[in-house]
Amino acid sequence: MMGKVGANLLAGFQGVRENQELISLRAQVQELQAALAQARAGELDEPEKADLDQRMEGLTAVLQETGGVHEIALDLIDRDDAQPRTVFPRVTIQERMESLRYHGQKTPIIVIPLEDGRYRLFDGELRFRSAQKLQWPKLKAVFLPEEEVTDARELFEGQVITSIHSQRLHDLDLATALVRLAVEQHPTLAGQEERFGTLLNTALRRLEREGKLSELAEIRLANPDRQTQWIEEAGFREFEEQQLFATILRLQLNPVSINSNVFPLLKLAEDLKEVIRTEGLESSKARELNRLSAEKLNQTEEKARQIRQQVTQDVIQNRLSLNETRKLVQQMIQAHNPQVRSAPSNDRWVKSVAAIEVDSIADAAILKELKAALKAKLDEVSQALRK
C-alpha cells in the first residue's frame, strides 16, 4: 500500500530530476502531504515511516538539485498552520537536540517561500524546534514552490480528521482546531470565539430538557444531509448554535463530549497550556490543576500562578495519577483558603448510577433514552481513560 506509493513517487522524483520541471511535482507533493498528515497523527507503523522518510529524501533531493540548498534564519520560519498538533513532549525534542548537537544537520528542512520574505515549514518541525532550543541561528533548507501545495484550509481539516481517528490529538489541540474550523467554515462566527463554550453548553442543556440529547449518538455518525436536516429541525434558538454543531458533527464528534472534555481547555491558564505543549500533560490533570486559581486560593494572580506551577511540576516529576493530582490540588486550596469546603467524595458518581432502579421504569421510551444517555457517558469515560 504505502510502499508501492513510495516507489512510484521516488520514480516520479527521478523523472523530474531528469526533466528539471518542478511543475510535475504537484501530484507527488499532494500525496506526500496526506502521508505527512498520517505521520503527524501517529497513524503510520515503522515500515511506513521508513518509506515516508525515503520519499521525503527523494523530494529533498529534487528540490536541492533544482533550487539548491539555502541557509535560512530561524526567526524567518513559521510553523505549518495546516498542522493542528502543537503538543511535542520535551523528551522527543531532547532526543533530536542531542542528534543535532553531535551529528549536525544531515538533511535540509523543506520550506515554502512566501511573498513577504518569510518561509512556511513544510517538513522538519522537530528539527526546527530542536534547533531553536539549541539557539542555532540558521538551518539548511530547500525551497518548495507554494503553487505545488494543496489548499491550506483543506489540508488543515484533513489533518484534524486524521488525528481524531488515530486518537493522537491532544484535547487542547482539538479545541483550538475546532474553533479555527468553525470560523473558516462559517465566517460569521469570527469574533465570537469566546462564546463557543457558552453557546454549546446552552444548546446542549436545551436539548436535554427537550429529550433530544440521546439523538446525538446516532446523528454524529449520520451522513451530511441527515445531519443538516437534524440541525434545522432541532430547534436551536441561535444561528451560531447551528453553525457550531455543524462543524462538530461534520467531524463525527459528540457535542456532549466536546462540551465536557474539550472546550473547557480553552479557558485553562496560559501556563498550563504551555505545560501541555511542552510536557504532554494529560487534559484531565490540567483541568484539575486549573482549579488552583487566584479566587480559589484567595491569593493574587501572580502568587496563584507560582503555586500552580509548583504543583504542576510536582505532578509531572512524581508522575502522580489523576486521583493523586486531585487530592494534592484540594490540599493546596484548603491550605491557602481554609474556608473552602472539601471536595465531595468521588464515589458519589458510582452511587448515583448504582441507585437507578431500572425495574421501576415501565416506559420503554424512557428506558431507551436512559440507555442512550448511559452509552454516551460510557463513551466519555472510555475517552477519559485513554488520556
Protein backbone atom coordinates (compact mmCIF):
# COMPACT_ATOMS: atom_id res chain seq x y z
CA MET A 1 0.00 0.00 0.00
CA MET A 2 2.27 2.79 1.25
CA GLY A 3 5.42 1.10 -0.07
CA LYS A 4 4.12 0.99 -3.66
CA VAL A 5 3.14 4.63 -3.49
CA GLY A 6 6.61 5.47 -2.17
CA ALA A 7 8.28 3.63 -5.04
CA ASN A 8 6.10 5.39 -7.59
CA LEU A 9 6.80 8.78 -6.05
CA LEU A 10 10.53 8.18 -5.92
CA ALA A 11 10.47 7.18 -9.58
CA GLY A 12 8.49 10.32 -10.30
CA PHE A 13 11.07 12.44 -8.48
CA GLN A 14 13.85 10.90 -10.57
CA GLY A 15 11.91 11.77 -13.71
CA VAL A 16 11.58 15.34 -12.53
CA ARG A 17 15.31 15.43 -11.84
CA GLU A 18 15.97 14.41 -15.45
CA ASN A 19 13.50 16.88 -16.95
CA GLN A 20 14.18 19.75 -14.49
CA GLU A 21 10.43 20.52 -14.31
CA LEU A 22 9.14 21.40 -10.84
CA ILE A 23 5.57 21.70 -12.09
CA SER A 24 5.24 17.91 -12.33
CA LEU A 25 5.84 17.64 -8.60
CA ARG A 26 2.33 18.77 -7.71
CA ALA A 27 0.67 15.35 -7.58
CA GLN A 28 3.59 13.85 -5.66
CA VAL A 29 3.64 16.71 -3.17
CA GLN A 30 -0.09 16.38 -2.52
CA GLU A 31 0.29 12.66 -1.80
CA LEU A 32 3.21 13.43 0.49
CA GLN A 33 1.07 15.97 2.34
CA ALA A 34 -1.50 13.26 3.00
CA ALA A 35 1.22 10.91 4.22
CA LEU A 36 2.67 13.64 6.43
CA ALA A 37 -0.76 14.13 7.98
CA GLN A 38 -0.83 10.43 8.86
CA ALA A 39 2.69 10.56 10.29
CA ARG A 40 1.94 13.63 12.40
CA ALA A 41 -1.16 11.92 13.75
CA GLY A 42 0.84 8.80 14.65
CA GLU A 43 -1.03 6.55 12.20
CA LEU A 44 1.99 5.09 10.38
CA ASP A 45 3.82 1.97 11.53
CA GLU A 46 7.62 1.72 11.40
CA PRO A 47 7.89 0.36 7.81
CA GLU A 48 5.54 3.09 6.59
CA LYS A 49 7.53 5.75 8.45
CA ALA A 50 10.72 4.48 6.84
CA ASP A 51 9.02 4.61 3.45
CA LEU A 52 7.84 8.18 4.09
CA ASP A 53 11.38 9.18 5.12
CA GLN A 54 12.66 7.79 1.83
CA ARG A 55 10.02 9.71 -0.10
CA MET A 56 10.87 12.95 1.72
CA GLU A 57 14.54 12.37 0.93
CA GLY A 58 13.57 11.96 -2.72
CA LEU A 59 11.65 15.24 -2.68
CA THR A 60 14.50 16.98 -0.86
CA ALA A 61 17.00 15.71 -3.44
CA VAL A 62 14.88 17.04 -6.31
CA LEU A 63 14.41 20.44 -4.69
CA GLN A 64 18.10 20.57 -3.80
CA GLU A 65 19.13 19.91 -7.39
CA THR A 66 16.63 22.32 -8.93
CA GLY A 67 16.94 25.16 -6.43
CA GLY A 68 19.98 24.45 -4.30
CA VAL A 69 20.39 24.43 -0.51
CA HIS A 70 19.91 27.67 1.41
CA GLU A 71 20.68 28.73 4.96
CA ILE A 72 17.56 30.29 6.46
CA ALA A 73 17.42 32.26 9.71
CA LEU A 74 15.16 30.51 12.22
CA ASP A 75 13.34 33.72 13.05
CA LEU A 76 12.13 33.90 9.43
CA ILE A 77 10.50 30.45 9.54
CA ASP A 78 6.85 29.96 10.56
CA ARG A 79 5.39 26.60 11.54
CA ASP A 80 2.85 24.94 9.29
CA ASP A 81 -0.63 26.25 10.13
CA ALA A 82 -2.06 23.16 8.45
CA GLN A 83 -0.75 21.02 11.29
CA PRO A 84 -3.24 21.03 14.18
CA ARG A 85 -0.83 19.25 16.50
CA THR A 86 1.19 21.59 18.73
CA VAL A 87 1.94 19.20 21.62
CA PHE A 88 5.52 17.94 21.33
CA PRO A 89 6.77 16.35 24.59
CA ARG A 90 10.09 17.62 25.87
CA VAL A 91 11.76 14.20 25.73
CA THR A 92 11.15 13.94 21.97
CA ILE A 93 12.73 17.32 21.32
CA GLN A 94 15.62 16.49 23.66
CA GLU A 95 16.47 13.38 21.67
CA ARG A 96 16.59 15.33 18.40
CA MET A 97 18.64 18.09 20.06
CA GLU A 98 21.31 15.57 21.01
CA SER A 99 21.38 14.24 17.46
CA LEU A 100 21.81 17.73 16.01
CA ARG A 101 24.40 18.66 18.62
CA TYR A 102 26.66 15.67 17.97
CA HIS A 103 25.98 14.87 14.31
CA GLY A 104 24.91 18.20 12.85
CA GLN A 105 22.08 18.73 10.37
CA LYS A 106 22.27 15.87 7.87
CA THR A 107 19.19 16.71 5.79
CA PRO A 108 17.79 20.14 4.87
CA ILE A 109 14.31 21.03 6.06
CA ILE A 110 11.72 21.87 3.39
CA VAL A 111 10.18 25.35 3.45
CA ILE A 112 7.75 27.27 1.25
CA PRO A 113 8.95 30.81 0.35
CA LEU A 114 6.27 33.44 0.99
CA GLU A 115 5.79 36.82 -0.66
CA ASP A 116 6.68 38.76 2.50
CA GLY A 117 10.17 37.26 2.66
CA ARG A 118 9.29 34.69 5.31
CA TYR A 119 9.08 30.90 4.97
CA ARG A 120 6.44 28.34 5.95
CA LEU A 121 7.65 24.99 7.23
CA PHE A 122 6.58 22.01 5.10
CA ASP A 123 8.72 19.26 6.63
CA GLY A 124 11.14 19.25 9.56
CA GLU A 125 9.24 20.71 12.54
CA LEU A 126 11.11 18.54 15.04
CA ARG A 127 14.48 19.68 13.65
CA PHE A 128 13.19 23.27 13.65
CA ARG A 129 12.04 23.15 17.28
CA SER A 130 15.22 21.39 18.38
CA ALA A 131 17.42 23.96 16.62
CA GLN A 132 15.51 26.72 18.41
CA LYS A 133 16.27 25.06 21.75
CA LEU A 134 19.95 24.83 20.76
CA GLN A 135 19.80 28.54 19.86
CA TRP A 136 21.08 27.88 16.37
CA PRO A 137 20.73 30.99 14.20
CA LYS A 138 20.07 29.13 10.93
CA LEU A 139 19.09 25.82 9.35
CA LYS A 140 19.81 24.41 5.91
CA ALA A 141 16.67 24.37 3.78
CA VAL A 142 15.39 23.66 0.29
CA PHE A 143 12.51 25.55 -1.31
CA LEU A 144 9.14 24.10 -2.32
CA PRO A 145 7.09 26.45 -4.56
CA GLU A 146 3.81 27.45 -2.90
CA GLU A 147 1.78 26.62 -6.02
CA GLU A 148 2.71 22.95 -5.60
CA VAL A 149 0.95 22.72 -2.23
CA THR A 150 -2.67 21.74 -1.51
CA ASP A 151 -5.03 24.45 -0.26
CA ALA A 152 -4.14 25.06 3.39
CA ARG A 153 -7.77 25.05 4.56
CA GLU A 154 -8.47 21.65 3.02
CA LEU A 155 -5.20 20.26 4.34
CA PHE A 156 -5.89 21.52 7.87
CA GLU A 157 -9.32 19.87 8.04
CA GLY A 158 -7.85 16.67 6.60
CA GLN A 159 -5.13 16.59 9.26
CA VAL A 160 -7.67 17.21 12.02
CA ILE A 161 -9.79 14.29 10.80
CA THR A 162 -6.74 12.02 10.54
CA SER A 163 -5.57 12.98 14.02
CA ILE A 164 -9.02 12.42 15.55
CA HIS A 165 -9.36 8.97 14.02
CA SER A 166 -5.92 7.94 15.30
CA GLN A 167 -6.76 9.36 18.76
CA ARG A 168 -3.37 11.08 18.89
CA LEU A 169 -4.56 14.69 19.02
CA HIS A 170 -4.45 16.28 22.46
CA ASP A 171 -7.75 17.77 23.60
CA LEU A 172 -6.19 21.26 23.70
CA ASP A 173 -5.15 20.95 20.05
CA LEU A 174 -8.59 19.59 19.20
CA ALA A 175 -10.30 22.52 20.93
CA THR A 176 -8.13 25.02 19.08
CA ALA A 177 -8.68 23.19 15.78
CA LEU A 178 -12.47 23.17 16.23
CA VAL A 179 -12.51 26.91 16.84
CA ARG A 180 -10.46 27.51 13.71
CA LEU A 181 -12.54 25.15 11.57
CA ALA A 182 -15.81 26.67 12.79
CA VAL A 183 -14.68 30.17 11.80
CA GLU A 184 -13.28 29.00 8.44
CA GLN A 185 -16.47 27.11 7.58
CA HIS A 186 -18.79 29.83 8.96
CA PRO A 187 -17.08 33.25 8.65
CA THR A 188 -19.91 34.98 10.53
CA LEU A 189 -18.61 33.29 13.69
CA ALA A 190 -15.40 35.34 13.53
CA GLY A 191 -15.04 37.46 16.64
CA GLN A 192 -17.35 35.23 18.67
CA GLU A 193 -14.79 32.55 19.54
CA GLU A 194 -15.02 33.26 23.27
CA ARG A 195 -18.75 32.47 23.16
CA PHE A 196 -18.30 28.98 21.70
CA GLY A 197 -18.22 27.21 25.04
CA THR A 198 -21.30 29.04 26.29
CA LEU A 199 -23.16 28.53 23.01
CA LEU A 200 -22.51 24.80 23.03
CA ASN A 201 -23.36 24.33 26.70
CA THR A 202 -26.59 26.34 26.46
CA ALA A 203 -27.73 24.44 23.38
CA LEU A 204 -26.99 21.06 24.98
CA ARG A 205 -28.96 21.94 28.12
CA ARG A 206 -31.92 22.89 25.96
CA LEU A 207 -31.67 19.62 24.00
CA GLU A 208 -31.57 17.74 27.30
CA ARG A 209 -34.72 19.45 28.57
CA GLU A 210 -36.49 18.63 25.31
CA GLY A 211 -35.41 14.98 25.41
CA LYS A 212 -33.28 15.22 22.26
CA LEU A 213 -29.84 14.74 23.78
CA SER A 214 -29.80 11.00 23.18
CA GLU A 215 -30.19 11.58 19.42
CA LEU A 216 -26.63 12.92 19.17
CA ALA A 217 -25.04 9.47 19.45
CA GLU A 218 -26.73 8.50 16.18
CA ILE A 219 -26.64 11.86 14.38
CA ARG A 220 -22.89 12.28 14.72
CA LEU A 221 -22.42 9.16 12.56
CA ALA A 222 -25.10 10.10 10.00
CA ASN A 223 -24.36 11.39 6.50
CA PRO A 224 -24.00 15.17 5.97
CA ASP A 225 -27.52 15.58 4.54
CA ARG A 226 -29.10 13.84 7.52
CA GLN A 227 -27.01 15.93 9.92
CA THR A 228 -28.09 19.14 8.18
CA GLN A 229 -31.73 18.11 8.36
CA TRP A 230 -31.46 17.28 12.07
CA ILE A 231 -29.76 20.60 12.83
CA GLU A 232 -32.52 22.51 11.03
CA GLU A 233 -35.24 20.64 12.94
CA ALA A 234 -33.59 20.50 16.38
CA GLY A 235 -34.98 23.86 17.46
CA PHE A 236 -31.77 25.84 18.00
CA ARG A 237 -32.55 29.40 19.04
CA GLU A 238 -29.39 30.99 17.66
CA PHE A 239 -27.97 30.54 14.17
CA GLU A 240 -24.50 30.40 15.73
CA GLU A 241 -25.54 27.27 17.63
CA GLN A 242 -26.45 25.58 14.35
CA GLN A 243 -23.11 26.52 12.82
CA LEU A 244 -21.14 25.24 15.80
CA PHE A 245 -23.00 21.93 15.85
CA ALA A 246 -22.47 21.59 12.08
CA THR A 247 -18.69 21.83 12.49
CA ILE A 248 -18.58 19.34 15.37
CA LEU A 249 -20.93 16.79 13.81
CA ARG A 250 -19.14 17.02 10.45
CA LEU A 251 -16.09 15.53 12.19
CA GLN A 252 -18.29 12.77 13.71
CA LEU A 253 -17.65 14.10 17.21
CA ASN A 254 -20.21 14.06 20.01
CA PRO A 255 -21.01 17.64 21.15
CA VAL A 256 -21.59 16.32 24.69
CA SER A 257 -18.01 15.08 24.91
CA ILE A 258 -16.65 18.28 23.34
CA ASN A 259 -18.58 20.32 25.91
CA SER A 260 -17.35 18.25 28.87
CA ASN A 261 -13.76 17.43 27.94
CA VAL A 262 -12.52 19.63 25.11
CA PHE A 263 -13.82 23.20 25.10
CA PRO A 264 -13.08 23.69 28.84
CA LEU A 265 -9.37 23.50 27.96
CA LEU A 266 -9.67 26.78 26.06
CA LYS A 267 -10.11 28.51 29.42
CA LEU A 268 -7.03 26.94 31.01
CA ALA A 269 -4.42 29.26 32.48
CA GLU A 270 -1.74 30.05 29.88
CA ASP A 271 0.99 28.43 31.98
CA LEU A 272 -0.95 25.15 31.93
CA LYS A 273 -1.41 25.35 28.16
CA GLU A 274 2.34 25.76 27.80
CA VAL A 275 3.00 22.73 30.00
CA ILE A 276 0.62 20.69 27.85
CA ARG A 277 2.55 21.68 24.72
CA THR A 278 5.99 21.03 26.19
CA GLU A 279 5.34 18.09 28.50
CA GLY A 280 2.22 16.46 27.05
CA LEU A 281 0.30 16.91 30.34
CA GLU A 282 -2.99 14.99 30.23
CA SER A 283 -6.06 17.17 29.81
CA SER A 284 -7.83 15.62 32.82
CA LYS A 285 -4.93 16.61 35.11
CA ALA A 286 -4.72 20.04 33.53
CA ARG A 287 -8.37 20.68 34.34
CA GLU A 288 -7.75 19.74 37.97
CA LEU A 289 -4.65 21.95 38.19
CA ASN A 290 -6.64 24.83 36.73
CA ARG A 291 -8.66 24.86 39.96
CA LEU A 292 -5.61 26.48 41.57
CA SER A 293 -6.88 29.92 40.64
CA ALA A 294 -6.44 33.22 42.44
CA GLU A 295 -10.06 33.08 43.59
CA LYS A 296 -9.92 29.52 44.93
CA LEU A 297 -6.56 30.07 46.64
CA ASN A 298 -7.51 33.54 47.92
CA GLN A 299 -4.21 34.86 46.52
CA THR A 300 -3.06 37.38 43.93
CA GLU A 301 -2.87 36.24 40.30
CA GLU A 302 0.92 36.15 40.44
CA LYS A 303 1.01 34.13 43.67
CA ALA A 304 -1.62 31.73 42.35
CA ARG A 305 0.43 31.22 39.18
CA GLN A 306 3.53 30.39 41.25
CA ILE A 307 1.61 27.88 43.36
CA ARG A 308 0.04 26.33 40.26
CA GLN A 309 3.39 25.99 38.51
CA GLN A 310 4.99 24.34 41.55
CA VAL A 311 2.14 21.85 41.96
CA THR A 312 2.21 21.13 38.23
CA GLN A 313 5.91 20.31 38.38
CA ASP A 314 5.24 18.01 41.36
CA VAL A 315 2.58 16.19 39.35
CA ILE A 316 4.89 15.73 36.36
CA GLN A 317 8.09 14.84 38.21
CA ASN A 318 6.39 12.41 40.59
CA ARG A 319 4.12 11.04 37.86
CA LEU A 320 1.03 11.45 40.02
CA SER A 321 -2.20 9.78 38.95
CA LEU A 322 -5.36 11.78 38.30
CA ASN A 323 -6.73 10.87 41.73
CA GLU A 324 -3.45 11.86 43.43
CA THR A 325 -3.43 15.11 41.46
CA ARG A 326 -6.99 15.86 42.53
CA LYS A 327 -6.14 15.27 46.20
CA LEU A 328 -3.00 17.42 46.01
CA VAL A 329 -4.92 20.28 44.41
CA GLN A 330 -7.60 20.12 47.10
CA GLN A 331 -4.95 20.09 49.84
CA MET A 332 -3.31 23.20 48.39
CA ILE A 333 -6.64 25.01 48.14
CA GLN A 334 -7.53 24.23 51.75
CA ALA A 335 -4.03 25.15 52.94
CA HIS A 336 -4.27 28.64 51.42
CA ASN A 337 -8.01 29.14 51.83
CA PRO A 338 -9.37 27.08 54.76
CA GLN A 339 -12.90 28.39 54.21
CA VAL A 340 -13.24 26.29 51.05
CA ARG A 341 -15.14 23.08 51.73
CA SER A 342 -13.56 19.73 50.93
CA ALA A 343 -14.48 18.25 47.58
CA PRO A 344 -17.24 15.64 47.88
CA SER A 345 -16.25 12.01 47.70
CA ASN A 346 -15.69 10.73 44.17
CA ASP A 347 -17.72 7.59 44.82
CA ARG A 348 -20.90 9.68 44.60
CA TRP A 349 -20.87 9.16 40.83
CA VAL A 350 -20.80 5.39 41.20
CA LYS A 351 -23.50 5.51 43.86
CA SER A 352 -25.72 7.70 41.68
CA VAL A 353 -25.58 5.25 38.78
CA ALA A 354 -26.00 2.22 41.04
CA ALA A 355 -29.06 3.82 42.64
CA ILE A 356 -31.02 3.82 39.38
CA GLU A 357 -33.90 1.36 39.81
CA VAL A 358 -34.35 0.07 36.28
CA ASP A 359 -37.17 -2.30 37.28
CA SER A 360 -39.26 0.65 38.38
CA ILE A 361 -39.19 2.19 34.88
CA ALA A 362 -42.04 0.76 32.84
CA ASP A 363 -41.97 3.22 29.94
CA ALA A 364 -39.92 1.73 27.07
CA ALA A 365 -39.22 5.17 25.61
CA ILE A 366 -37.66 6.32 28.88
CA LEU A 367 -35.58 3.14 29.04
CA LYS A 368 -34.30 3.79 25.52
CA GLU A 369 -33.37 7.36 26.43
CA LEU A 370 -31.62 6.12 29.57
CA LYS A 371 -29.70 3.54 27.55
CA ALA A 372 -28.58 6.16 25.02
CA ALA A 373 -27.55 8.59 27.77
CA LEU A 374 -25.55 5.93 29.62
CA LYS A 375 -23.89 4.84 26.38
CA ALA A 376 -22.88 8.42 25.59
CA LYS A 377 -21.48 8.81 29.11
CA LEU A 378 -19.63 5.48 28.79
CA ASP A 379 -18.01 6.78 25.60
CA GLU A 380 -16.82 9.84 27.54
CA VAL A 381 -15.43 7.63 30.33
CA SER A 382 -13.58 5.48 27.79
CA GLN A 383 -12.12 8.58 26.17
CA ALA A 384 -11.01 9.96 29.54
CA LEU A 385 -9.31 6.67 30.45
CA ARG A 386 -7.29 6.76 27.24
CA LYS A 387 -5.71 10.07 28.20
